[in-house]
C-alpha atoms as a PDB file:
ATOM      1  CA  UNK A   1      50.760  -0.754  -8.108  1.00  0.00           C
ATOM      2  CA  UNK A   2      53.415  -3.088  -9.512  1.00  0.00           C
ATOM      3  CA  UNK A   3      52.939  -6.680  -8.375  1.00  0.00           C
ATOM      4  CA  UNK A   4      56.131  -8.671  -7.897  1.00  0.00           C
ATOM      5  CA  UNK A   5      55.949 -12.441  -7.954  1.00  0.00           C
ATOM      6  CA  UNK A   6      57.183 -14.278  -4.887  1.00  0.00           C
ATOM      7  CA  UNK A   7      59.580 -16.985  -5.919  1.00  0.00           C
ATOM      8  CA  UNK A   8      58.844 -20.264  -4.141  1.00  0.00           C
ATOM      9  CA  UNK A   9      62.112 -22.004  -3.338  1.00  0.00           C
ATOM     10  CA  UNK A  10      62.741 -25.746  -3.268  1.00  0.00           C
ATOM     11  CA  UNK A  11      60.949 -27.408  -0.407  1.00  0.00           C
ATOM     12  CA  UNK A  12      62.289 -29.974   1.973  1.00  0.00           C
ATOM     13  CA  UNK A  13      61.049 -33.541   1.900  1.00  0.00           C
ATOM     14  CA  UNK A  14      58.727 -32.790   4.851  1.00  0.00           C
ATOM     15  CA  UNK A  15      57.208 -29.794   3.018  1.00  0.00           C
ATOM     16  CA  UNK A  16      56.634 -31.922  -0.087  1.00  0.00           C
ATOM     17  CA  UNK A  17      54.701 -34.426   1.942  1.00  0.00           C
ATOM     18  CA  UNK A  18      52.471 -31.600   3.237  1.00  0.00           C
ATOM     19  CA  UNK A  19      51.873 -30.188  -0.253  1.00  0.00           C
ATOM     20  CA  UNK A  20      48.740 -30.898  -2.286  1.00  0.00           C
ATOM     21  CA  UNK A  21      48.114 -31.743  -5.895  1.00  0.00           C
ATOM     22  CA  UNK A  22      45.674 -29.688  -7.929  1.00  0.00           C
ATOM     23  CA  UNK A  23      43.096 -31.093 -10.359  1.00  0.00           C
ATOM     24  CA  UNK A  24      45.677 -30.593 -13.119  1.00  0.00           C
ATOM     25  CA  UNK A  25      48.208 -32.684 -11.251  1.00  0.00           C
ATOM     26  CA  UNK A  26      50.302 -29.657 -10.283  1.00  0.00           C
ATOM     27  CA  UNK A  27      51.841 -29.635  -6.831  1.00  0.00           C
ATOM     28  CA  UNK A  28      51.005 -26.645  -4.598  1.00  0.00           C
ATOM     29  CA  UNK A  29      52.799 -25.680  -1.389  1.00  0.00           C
ATOM     30  CA  UNK A  30      51.357 -26.279   2.031  1.00  0.00           C
ATOM     31  CA  UNK A  31      50.116 -23.255   3.961  1.00  0.00           C
ATOM     32  CA  UNK A  32      52.921 -23.745   6.487  1.00  0.00           C
ATOM     33  CA  UNK A  33      55.553 -23.917   3.752  1.00  0.00           C
ATOM     34  CA  UNK A  34      54.210 -20.831   1.972  1.00  0.00           C
ATOM     35  CA  UNK A  35      54.109 -18.946   5.273  1.00  0.00           C
ATOM     36  CA  UNK A  36      57.776 -19.792   5.870  1.00  0.00           C
ATOM     37  CA  UNK A  37      58.867 -18.521   2.472  1.00  0.00           C
ATOM     38  CA  UNK A  38      56.701 -15.332   2.666  1.00  0.00           C
ATOM     39  CA  UNK A  39      58.432 -14.489   5.935  1.00  0.00           C
ATOM     40  CA  UNK A  40      61.796 -15.180   4.343  1.00  0.00           C
ATOM     41  CA  UNK A  41      61.161 -13.165   1.170  1.00  0.00           C
ATOM     42  CA  UNK A  42      58.982 -10.287   2.469  1.00  0.00           C
ATOM     43  CA  UNK A  43      59.571 -10.209   6.216  1.00  0.00           C
ATOM     44  CA  UNK A  44      55.899 -10.684   7.152  1.00  0.00           C
ATOM     45  CA  UNK A  45      53.737 -13.713   7.811  1.00  0.00           C
ATOM     46  CA  UNK A  46      51.261 -15.111   5.306  1.00  0.00           C
ATOM     47  CA  UNK A  47      48.187 -13.883   7.202  1.00  0.00           C
ATOM     48  CA  UNK A  48      49.315 -10.230   7.157  1.00  0.00           C
ATOM     49  CA  UNK A  49      50.317 -10.544   3.503  1.00  0.00           C
ATOM     50  CA  UNK A  50      46.873 -11.882   2.568  1.00  0.00           C
ATOM     51  CA  UNK A  51      45.055  -9.342   4.737  1.00  0.00           C
ATOM     52  CA  UNK A  52      46.923  -6.477   3.078  1.00  0.00           C
ATOM     53  CA  UNK A  53      46.276  -7.740  -0.455  1.00  0.00           C
ATOM     54  CA  UNK A  54      42.571  -8.312   0.260  1.00  0.00           C
ATOM     55  CA  UNK A  55      41.620  -5.366   2.486  1.00  0.00           C
ATOM     56  CA  UNK A  56      44.039  -2.623   1.437  1.00  0.00           C
ATOM     57  CA  UNK A  57      44.792  -3.469  -2.196  1.00  0.00           C
ATOM     58  CA  UNK A  58      41.366  -5.104  -2.824  1.00  0.00           C
ATOM     59  CA  UNK A  59      42.848  -7.687  -5.173  1.00  0.00           C
ATOM     60  CA  UNK A  60      40.916 -10.567  -6.708  1.00  0.00           C
ATOM     61  CA  UNK A  61      41.864 -14.201  -6.052  1.00  0.00           C
ATOM     62  CA  UNK A  62      43.555 -14.606  -9.421  1.00  0.00           C
ATOM     63  CA  UNK A  63      45.677 -11.485  -8.849  1.00  0.00           C
ATOM     64  CA  UNK A  64      46.957 -12.749  -5.506  1.00  0.00           C
ATOM     65  CA  UNK A  65      47.469 -16.205  -7.029  1.00  0.00           C
ATOM     66  CA  UNK A  66      49.585 -14.653  -9.778  1.00  0.00           C
ATOM     67  CA  UNK A  67      51.801 -12.934  -7.200  1.00  0.00           C
ATOM     68  CA  UNK A  68      52.338 -16.153  -5.233  1.00  0.00           C
ATOM     69  CA  UNK A  69      52.520 -18.362  -8.312  1.00  0.00           C
ATOM     70  CA  UNK A  70      49.733 -20.635  -7.044  1.00  0.00           C
ATOM     71  CA  UNK A  71      46.159 -21.387  -8.166  1.00  0.00           C
ATOM     72  CA  UNK A  72      43.075 -19.278  -7.419  1.00  0.00           C
ATOM     73  CA  UNK A  73      41.584 -22.286  -5.641  1.00  0.00           C
ATOM     74  CA  UNK A  74      44.541 -22.299  -3.259  1.00  0.00           C
ATOM     75  CA  UNK A  75      43.965 -18.591  -2.520  1.00  0.00           C
ATOM     76  CA  UNK A  76      40.290 -19.319  -1.809  1.00  0.00           C
ATOM     77  CA  UNK A  77      41.407 -21.989   0.687  1.00  0.00           C
ATOM     78  CA  UNK A  78      43.795 -19.510   2.321  1.00  0.00           C
ATOM     79  CA  UNK A  79      41.028 -16.924   2.687  1.00  0.00           C
ATOM     80  CA  UNK A  80      38.749 -19.493   4.286  1.00  0.00           C
ATOM     81  CA  UNK A  81      41.534 -20.610   6.637  1.00  0.00           C
ATOM     82  CA  UNK A  82      42.321 -17.028   7.700  1.00  0.00           C
ATOM     83  CA  UNK A  83      38.619 -15.986   7.752  1.00  0.00           C
ATOM     84  CA  UNK A  84      39.223 -13.243   5.169  1.00  0.00           C
ATOM     85  CA  UNK A  85      36.121 -13.848   3.082  1.00  0.00           C
ATOM     86  CA  UNK A  86      34.334 -10.522   3.649  1.00  0.00           C
ATOM     87  CA  UNK A  87      33.439 -10.003   0.004  1.00  0.00           C
ATOM     88  CA  UNK A  88      31.026  -7.131   0.702  1.00  0.00           C
ATOM     89  CA  UNK A  89      33.678  -4.933   2.308  1.00  0.00           C
ATOM     90  CA  UNK A  90      36.152  -5.802  -0.414  1.00  0.00           C
ATOM     91  CA  UNK A  91      33.646  -4.940  -3.144  1.00  0.00           C
ATOM     92  CA  UNK A  92      32.823  -1.627  -1.405  1.00  0.00           C
ATOM     93  CA  UNK A  93      36.515  -0.667  -1.382  1.00  0.00           C
ATOM     94  CA  UNK A  94      36.893  -1.518  -5.068  1.00  0.00           C
ATOM     95  CA  UNK A  95      33.711   0.438  -5.869  1.00  0.00           C
ATOM     96  CA  UNK A  96      35.051   3.553  -4.140  1.00  0.00           C
ATOM     97  CA  UNK A  97      38.411   3.118  -5.830  1.00  0.00           C
ATOM     98  CA  UNK A  98      36.610   3.160  -9.192  1.00  0.00           C
ATOM     99  CA  UNK A  99      33.910   5.807  -8.590  1.00  0.00           C
ATOM    100  CA  UNK A 100      35.536   8.012  -5.959  1.00  0.00           C
ATOM    101  CA  UNK A 101      35.489   8.497  -2.218  1.00  0.00           C
ATOM    102  CA  UNK A 102      31.971   8.417  -0.763  1.00  0.00           C
ATOM    103  CA  UNK A 103      30.567   6.541  -3.765  1.00  0.00           C
ATOM    104  CA  UNK A 104      29.161   3.702  -1.630  1.00  0.00           C
ATOM    105  CA  UNK A 105      27.299   6.082   0.671  1.00  0.00           C
ATOM    106  CA  UNK A 106      25.976   7.996  -2.338  1.00  0.00           C
ATOM    107  CA  UNK A 107      24.824   4.734  -3.934  1.00  0.00           C
ATOM    108  CA  UNK A 108      23.039   3.690  -0.709  1.00  0.00           C
ATOM    109  CA  UNK A 109      21.302   7.062  -0.353  1.00  0.00           C
ATOM    110  CA  UNK A 110      20.023   6.962  -3.923  1.00  0.00           C
ATOM    111  CA  UNK A 111      19.048   3.278  -4.063  1.00  0.00           C
ATOM    112  CA  UNK A 112      17.089   3.507  -0.771  1.00  0.00           C
ATOM    113  CA  UNK A 113      15.176   6.613  -1.876  1.00  0.00           C
ATOM    114  CA  UNK A 114      11.687   6.004  -3.319  1.00  0.00           C
ATOM    115  CA  UNK A 115      12.457   8.735  -5.873  1.00  0.00           C
ATOM    116  CA  UNK A 116      15.239   6.794  -7.645  1.00  0.00           C
ATOM    117  CA  UNK A 117      15.006   3.636  -9.760  1.00  0.00           C
ATOM    118  CA  UNK A 118      17.821   1.292 -10.765  1.00  0.00           C
ATOM    119  CA  UNK A 119      18.039   3.137 -14.084  1.00  0.00           C
ATOM    120  CA  UNK A 120      18.327   6.521 -12.315  1.00  0.00           C
ATOM    121  CA  UNK A 121      21.165   5.249 -10.122  1.00  0.00           C
ATOM    122  CA  UNK A 122      22.902   3.671 -13.110  1.00  0.00           C
ATOM    123  CA  UNK A 123      22.747   6.942 -15.078  1.00  0.00           C
ATOM    124  CA  UNK A 124      24.209   8.849 -12.131  1.00  0.00           C
ATOM    125  CA  UNK A 125      27.245   6.541 -11.938  1.00  0.00           C
ATOM    126  CA  UNK A 126      27.535   5.826 -15.648  1.00  0.00           C
ATOM    127  CA  UNK A 127      26.670   2.126 -15.692  1.00  0.00           C
ATOM    128  CA  UNK A 128      23.687   0.021 -16.724  1.00  0.00           C
ATOM    129  CA  UNK A 129      20.504  -0.793 -14.829  1.00  0.00           C
ATOM    130  CA  UNK A 130      21.612  -4.431 -14.637  1.00  0.00           C
ATOM    131  CA  UNK A 131      24.937  -3.489 -13.070  1.00  0.00           C
ATOM    132  CA  UNK A 132      23.148  -1.260 -10.523  1.00  0.00           C
ATOM    133  CA  UNK A 133      21.164  -4.363  -9.515  1.00  0.00           C
ATOM    134  CA  UNK A 134      24.444  -6.309  -9.242  1.00  0.00           C
ATOM    135  CA  UNK A 135      26.061  -3.561  -7.113  1.00  0.00           C
ATOM    136  CA  UNK A 136      23.059  -3.582  -4.755  1.00  0.00           C
ATOM    137  CA  UNK A 137      23.423  -7.319  -4.182  1.00  0.00           C
ATOM    138  CA  UNK A 138      27.169  -7.002  -3.619  1.00  0.00           C
ATOM    139  CA  UNK A 139      26.871  -4.148  -1.104  1.00  0.00           C
ATOM    140  CA  UNK A 140      23.770  -5.314   0.805  1.00  0.00           C
ATOM    141  CA  UNK A 141      24.097  -9.078   0.399  1.00  0.00           C
ATOM    142  CA  UNK A 142      20.406  -9.556  -0.388  1.00  0.00           C
ATOM    143  CA  UNK A 143      18.166  -9.336  -3.483  1.00  0.00           C
ATOM    144  CA  UNK A 144      16.936  -5.978  -4.760  1.00  0.00           C
ATOM    145  CA  UNK A 145      13.283  -7.133  -4.682  1.00  0.00           C
ATOM    146  CA  UNK A 146      13.174  -6.487  -0.922  1.00  0.00           C
ATOM    147  CA  UNK A 147      14.032  -2.779  -1.127  1.00  0.00           C
ATOM    148  CA  UNK A 148      12.006  -2.431  -4.332  1.00  0.00           C
ATOM    149  CA  UNK A 149       8.851  -3.561  -2.484  1.00  0.00           C
ATOM    150  CA  UNK A 150       9.522  -1.097   0.357  1.00  0.00           C
ATOM    151  CA  UNK A 151      10.080   1.771  -2.094  1.00  0.00           C
ATOM    152  CA  UNK A 152       6.897   0.960  -3.991  1.00  0.00           C
ATOM    153  CA  UNK A 153       4.874   0.981  -0.751  1.00  0.00           C
ATOM    154  CA  UNK A 154       6.522   4.272   0.282  1.00  0.00           C
ATOM    155  CA  UNK A 155       5.583   5.900  -3.044  1.00  0.00           C
ATOM    156  CA  UNK A 156       2.019   4.632  -2.727  1.00  0.00           C
ATOM    157  CA  UNK A 157       1.740   5.953   0.840  1.00  0.00           C
ATOM    158  CA  UNK A 158       3.118   9.336  -0.217  1.00  0.00           C
ATOM    159  CA  UNK A 159       0.592   9.615  -3.065  1.00  0.00           C
ATOM    160  CA  UNK A 160      -2.267   8.784  -0.695  1.00  0.00           C
ATOM    161  CA  UNK A 161      -1.008  11.290   1.892  1.00  0.00           C
ATOM    162  CA  UNK A 162      -0.749  14.021  -0.744  1.00  0.00           C
ATOM    163  CA  UNK A 163      -4.224  13.200  -1.999  1.00  0.00           C
ATOM    164  CA  UNK A 164      -5.670  13.385   1.516  1.00  0.00           C
ATOM    165  CA  UNK A 165      -3.777  16.603   2.201  1.00  0.00           C
ATOM    166  CA  UNK A 166      -5.086  18.223  -0.969  1.00  0.00           C
ATOM    167  CA  UNK A 167      -8.600  17.059  -0.128  1.00  0.00           C
ATOM    168  CA  UNK A 168      -8.408  18.588   3.380  1.00  0.00           C
ATOM    169  CA  UNK A 169      -6.941  21.790   1.994  1.00  0.00           C
ATOM    170  CA  UNK A 170      -9.713  22.119  -0.575  1.00  0.00           C
ATOM    171  CA  UNK A 171     -12.398  21.582   2.071  1.00  0.00           C
ATOM    172  CA  UNK A 172     -10.782  24.266   4.212  1.00  0.00           C
ATOM    173  CA  UNK A 173     -10.548  26.664   1.264  1.00  0.00           C
ATOM    174  CA  UNK A 174     -14.180  26.143   0.315  1.00  0.00           C
ATOM    175  CA  UNK A 175     -15.202  26.717   3.944  1.00  0.00           C
ATOM    176  CA  UNK A 176     -13.288  30.019   4.111  1.00  0.00           C
ATOM    177  CA  UNK A 177     -14.618  30.998   0.705  1.00  0.00           C
ATOM    178  CA  UNK A 178     -18.134  30.378   2.020  1.00  0.00           C
ATOM    179  CA  UNK A 179     -17.435  32.629   5.016  1.00  0.00           C
ATOM    180  CA  UNK A 180     -16.259  35.406   2.711  1.00  0.00           C
ATOM    181  CA  UNK A 181     -19.312  34.982   0.522  1.00  0.00           C
ATOM    182  CA  UNK A 182     -21.581  35.286   3.570  1.00  0.00           C
ATOM    183  CA  UNK A 183     -20.217  38.783   4.236  1.00  0.00           C
ATOM    184  CA  UNK A 184     -20.530  39.816   0.604  1.00  0.00           C
ATOM    185  CA  UNK A 185     -17.054  39.045  -0.673  1.00  0.00           C
ATOM    186  CA  UNK A 186     -16.730  36.780  -3.693  1.00  0.00           C
ATOM    187  CA  UNK A 187     -13.223  35.338  -4.018  1.00  0.00           C
ATOM    188  CA  UNK A 188     -10.888  33.465  -6.338  1.00  0.00           C
ATOM    189  CA  UNK A 189      -8.337  30.943  -5.064  1.00  0.00           C
ATOM    190  CA  UNK A 190      -4.724  30.425  -6.122  1.00  0.00           C
ATOM    191  CA  UNK A 191      -2.498  27.864  -4.344  1.00  0.00           C
ATOM    192  CA  UNK A 192       1.281  27.893  -4.542  1.00  0.00           C
ATOM    193  CA  UNK A 193       3.078  25.108  -2.673  1.00  0.00           C
ATOM    194  CA  UNK A 194       2.359  25.653   1.055  1.00  0.00           C
ATOM    195  CA  UNK A 195       0.416  28.912   0.689  1.00  0.00           C
ATOM    196  CA  UNK A 196      -3.089  29.599  -0.610  1.00  0.00           C
ATOM    197  CA  UNK A 197      -4.206  33.084  -1.594  1.00  0.00           C
ATOM    198  CA  UNK A 198      -7.746  34.361  -1.900  1.00  0.00           C
ATOM    199  CA  UNK A 199      -8.392  37.388  -4.113  1.00  0.00           C
ATOM    200  CA  UNK A 200     -11.534  39.318  -3.321  1.00  0.00           C
ATOM    201  CA  UNK A 201     -12.495  42.835  -4.444  1.00  0.00           C
ATOM    202  CA  UNK A 202      -8.842  43.792  -4.861  1.00  0.00           C
ATOM    203  CA  UNK A 203      -7.837  42.335  -1.501  1.00  0.00           C
ATOM    204  CA  UNK A 204      -5.066  39.744  -1.241  1.00  0.00           C
ATOM    205  CA  UNK A 205      -5.828  37.373   1.619  1.00  0.00           C
ATOM    206  CA  UNK A 206      -3.385  34.628   2.658  1.00  0.00           C
ATOM    207  CA  UNK A 207      -4.763  31.502   4.302  1.00  0.00           C
ATOM    208  CA  UNK A 208      -2.617  29.761   6.934  1.00  0.00           C
ATOM    209  CA  UNK A 209      -3.654  26.521   8.647  1.00  0.00           C
ATOM    210  CA  UNK A 210      -2.316  24.900  11.829  1.00  0.00           C
ATOM    211  CA  UNK A 211      -3.727  21.568  12.985  1.00  0.00           C
ATOM    212  CA  UNK A 212      -0.975  20.342  15.316  1.00  0.00           C
ATOM    213  CA  UNK A 213      -0.875  22.513  18.426  1.00  0.00           C
ATOM    214  CA  UNK A 214       2.054  22.429  20.851  1.00  0.00           C
ATOM    215  CA  UNK A 215       1.613  22.287  24.622  1.00  0.00           C
ATOM    216  CA  UNK A 216       3.701  24.876  26.499  1.00  0.00           C
ATOM    217  CA  UNK A 217       3.193  25.317  30.247  1.00  0.00           C
ATOM    218  CA  UNK A 218      -0.152  23.473  30.050  1.00  0.00           C
ATOM    219  CA  UNK A 219      -1.360  25.802  27.317  1.00  0.00           C
ATOM    220  CA  UNK A 220      -2.138  24.856  23.726  1.00  0.00           C
ATOM    221  CA  UNK A 221      -0.462  27.031  21.099  1.00  0.00           C
ATOM    222  CA  UNK A 222      -0.980  26.975  17.332  1.00  0.00           C
ATOM    223  CA  UNK A 223       2.094  27.963  15.344  1.00  0.00           C
ATOM    224  CA  UNK A 224       2.165  29.693  11.963  1.00  0.00           C
ATOM    225  CA  UNK A 225       5.032  30.861   9.743  1.00  0.00           C
ATOM    226  CA  UNK A 226       5.275  32.998   6.656  1.00  0.00           C
ATOM    227  CA  UNK A 227       7.179  30.560   4.446  1.00  0.00           C
ATOM    228  CA  UNK A 228       6.341  31.324   0.811  1.00  0.00           C
ATOM    229  CA  UNK A 229       4.291  34.402   1.701  1.00  0.00           C
ATOM    230  CA  UNK A 230       5.798  37.763   2.628  1.00  0.00           C
ATOM    231  CA  UNK A 231       3.717  39.987   4.915  1.00  0.00           C
ATOM    232  CA  UNK A 232       4.043  42.962   2.569  1.00  0.00           C
ATOM    233  CA  UNK A 233       2.534  40.917  -0.288  1.00  0.00           C
ATOM    234  CA  UNK A 234      -0.821  40.497   1.467  1.00  0.00           C
ATOM    235  CA  UNK A 235      -3.529  42.730   2.870  1.00  0.00           C
ATOM    236  CA  UNK A 236      -4.917  40.262   5.422  1.00  0.00           C
ATOM    237  CA  UNK A 237      -4.046  36.863   6.878  1.00  0.00           C
ATOM    238  CA  UNK A 238      -6.626  34.292   7.849  1.00  0.00           C
ATOM    239  CA  UNK A 239      -4.963  31.995  10.414  1.00  0.00           C
ATOM    240  CA  UNK A 240      -7.092  28.904  10.909  1.00  0.00           C
ATOM    241  CA  UNK A 241      -6.610  26.858  14.098  1.00  0.00           C
ATOM    242  CA  UNK A 242      -8.054  23.379  13.704  1.00  0.00           C
ATOM    243  CA  UNK A 243      -8.724  21.944  17.168  1.00  0.00           C
ATOM    244  CA  UNK A 244     -10.674  18.679  17.600  1.00  0.00           C
ATOM    245  CA  UNK A 245     -12.483  19.221  14.282  1.00  0.00           C
ATOM    246  CA  UNK A 246     -13.394  22.743  15.378  1.00  0.00           C
ATOM    247  CA  UNK A 247     -12.157  25.609  13.187  1.00  0.00           C
ATOM    248  CA  UNK A 248     -11.219  28.918  14.795  1.00  0.00           C
ATOM    249  CA  UNK A 249     -10.277  31.774  12.453  1.00  0.00           C
ATOM    250  CA  UNK A 250      -8.083  34.784  13.180  1.00  0.00           C
ATOM    251  CA  UNK A 251      -8.499  37.655  10.693  1.00  0.00           C
ATOM    252  CA  UNK A 252      -5.224  39.577  11.031  1.00  0.00           C
ATOM    253  CA  UNK A 253      -4.322  42.735   9.041  1.00  0.00           C
ATOM    254  CA  UNK A 254      -0.826  42.750   7.570  1.00  0.00           C
ATOM    255  CA  UNK A 255       0.235  45.590   9.911  1.00  0.00           C
ATOM    256  CA  UNK A 256      -0.404  43.328  12.915  1.00  0.00           C
ATOM    257  CA  UNK A 257       1.121  40.181  11.417  1.00  0.00           C
ATOM    258  CA  UNK A 258       4.700  39.240  12.484  1.00  0.00           C
ATOM    259  CA  UNK A 259       7.165  38.919   9.630  1.00  0.00           C
ATOM    260  CA  UNK A 260       8.432  35.436  10.501  1.00  0.00           C
ATOM    261  CA  UNK A 261       6.198  33.376  12.809  1.00  0.00           C
ATOM    262  CA  UNK A 262       3.155  33.573  15.044  1.00  0.00           C
ATOM    263  CA  UNK A 263       1.857  31.558  18.014  1.00  0.00           C
ATOM    264  CA  UNK A 264      -1.855  31.761  18.865  1.00  0.00           C
ATOM    265  CA  UNK A 265      -3.523  30.701  22.107  1.00  0.00           C
ATOM    266  CA  UNK A 266      -7.214  30.050  21.488  1.00  0.00           C
ATOM    267  CA  UNK A 267      -8.159  30.309  25.155  1.00  0.00           C
ATOM    268  CA  UNK A 268      -6.551  33.740  25.604  1.00  0.00           C
ATOM    269  CA  UNK A 269      -8.647  36.831  26.196  1.00  0.00           C
ATOM    270  CA  UNK A 270      -7.675  40.360  25.027  1.00  0.00           C
ATOM    271  CA  UNK A 271      -5.729  40.940  28.257  1.00  0.00           C
ATOM    272  CA  UNK A 272      -3.551  37.862  27.649  1.00  0.00           C
ATOM    273  CA  UNK A 273      -2.975  38.200  23.932  1.00  0.00           C
ATOM    274  CA  UNK A 274      -3.082  41.110  21.506  1.00  0.00           C
ATOM    275  CA  UNK A 275      -4.323  38.697  18.837  1.00  0.00           C
ATOM    276  CA  UNK A 276      -7.459  37.699  20.744  1.00  0.00           C
ATOM    277  CA  UNK A 277      -9.324  40.667  19.239  1.00  0.00           C
ATOM    278  CA  UNK A 278      -8.821  39.146  15.767  1.00  0.00           C
ATOM    279  CA  UNK A 279     -10.574  35.880  16.644  1.00  0.00           C
ATOM    280  CA  UNK A 280     -13.475  35.411  14.179  1.00  0.00           C
ATOM    281  CA  UNK A 281     -13.152  39.118  13.296  1.00  0.00           C
ATOM    282  CA  UNK A 282     -14.805  38.748   9.891  1.00  0.00           C
ATOM    283  CA  UNK A 283     -16.166  42.254  10.250  1.00  0.00           C
ATOM    284  CA  UNK A 284     -12.664  43.563   9.409  1.00  0.00           C
ATOM    285  CA  UNK A 285     -13.172  42.274   5.876  1.00  0.00           C
ATOM    286  CA  UNK A 286     -16.844  43.184   5.557  1.00  0.00           C
ATOM    287  CA  UNK A 287     -17.245  46.178   3.281  1.00  0.00           C
ATOM    288  CA  UNK A 288     -13.472  46.411   2.727  1.00  0.00           C
ATOM    289  CA  UNK A 289     -12.464  46.884  -0.889  1.00  0.00           C
ATOM    290  CA  UNK A 290      -9.380  48.077  -2.750  1.00  0.00           C
ATOM    291  CA  UNK A 291     -10.984  48.027  -6.199  1.00  0.00           C
END
């Protein structure tokens, strides 16, 4: 955008008396006098002119000062007078003008995530770690140490949760493995993401666990899904319902297992649910072998 200077005409004696001298001894116009000449030259008042240059054009003080042929200190006084000192919004507009639309939101999403460091964010935008720290302060108006502490605690909590989850899963696997061993089936365990498979005598057995039942019409249902484990890839499914530290197992053949999801009601009898007959039905696996 081409910036045209506004020529300041000769002032009247009254305007001179209202003018101020800078530290260099240069005389600057009064706000009232400058407002008069902005209206005369551009057809808009000084407030709207300043608001446009700050909020729409996102110009720095020295750039506006160069247009008006005044000092940067005078522009700072104007901004304070007109209450146009929202530096955070102005910086955000300049940031998006440089790095593209949506850049501020992208920066916020990354910098608030425990998975990204200052260096990661800097690499994504193409600037240094130090400048990422500077951008954070400009956008949020507070030091980075605050969010850094929160992110560190979040990472620590996530590691502890994963450790506890793995510990619970291993206990469950060893318990099921013990059950299989008691009916004469030795087994090997392979875990992939959310699914654990037990291999025993040529059988492929998927273990599913539900420990957060949902109440529907005063009845407690345990929900299971087949994410990461297709029905046709397994011979049996062991669906474990963990209720008040009590484990209830359903031994379901693949032919009876739904392809997407399953809801089990522990209190149901065979007349209420077709899956009741599979409750603790370890005998279905006893003596079964595909080898």
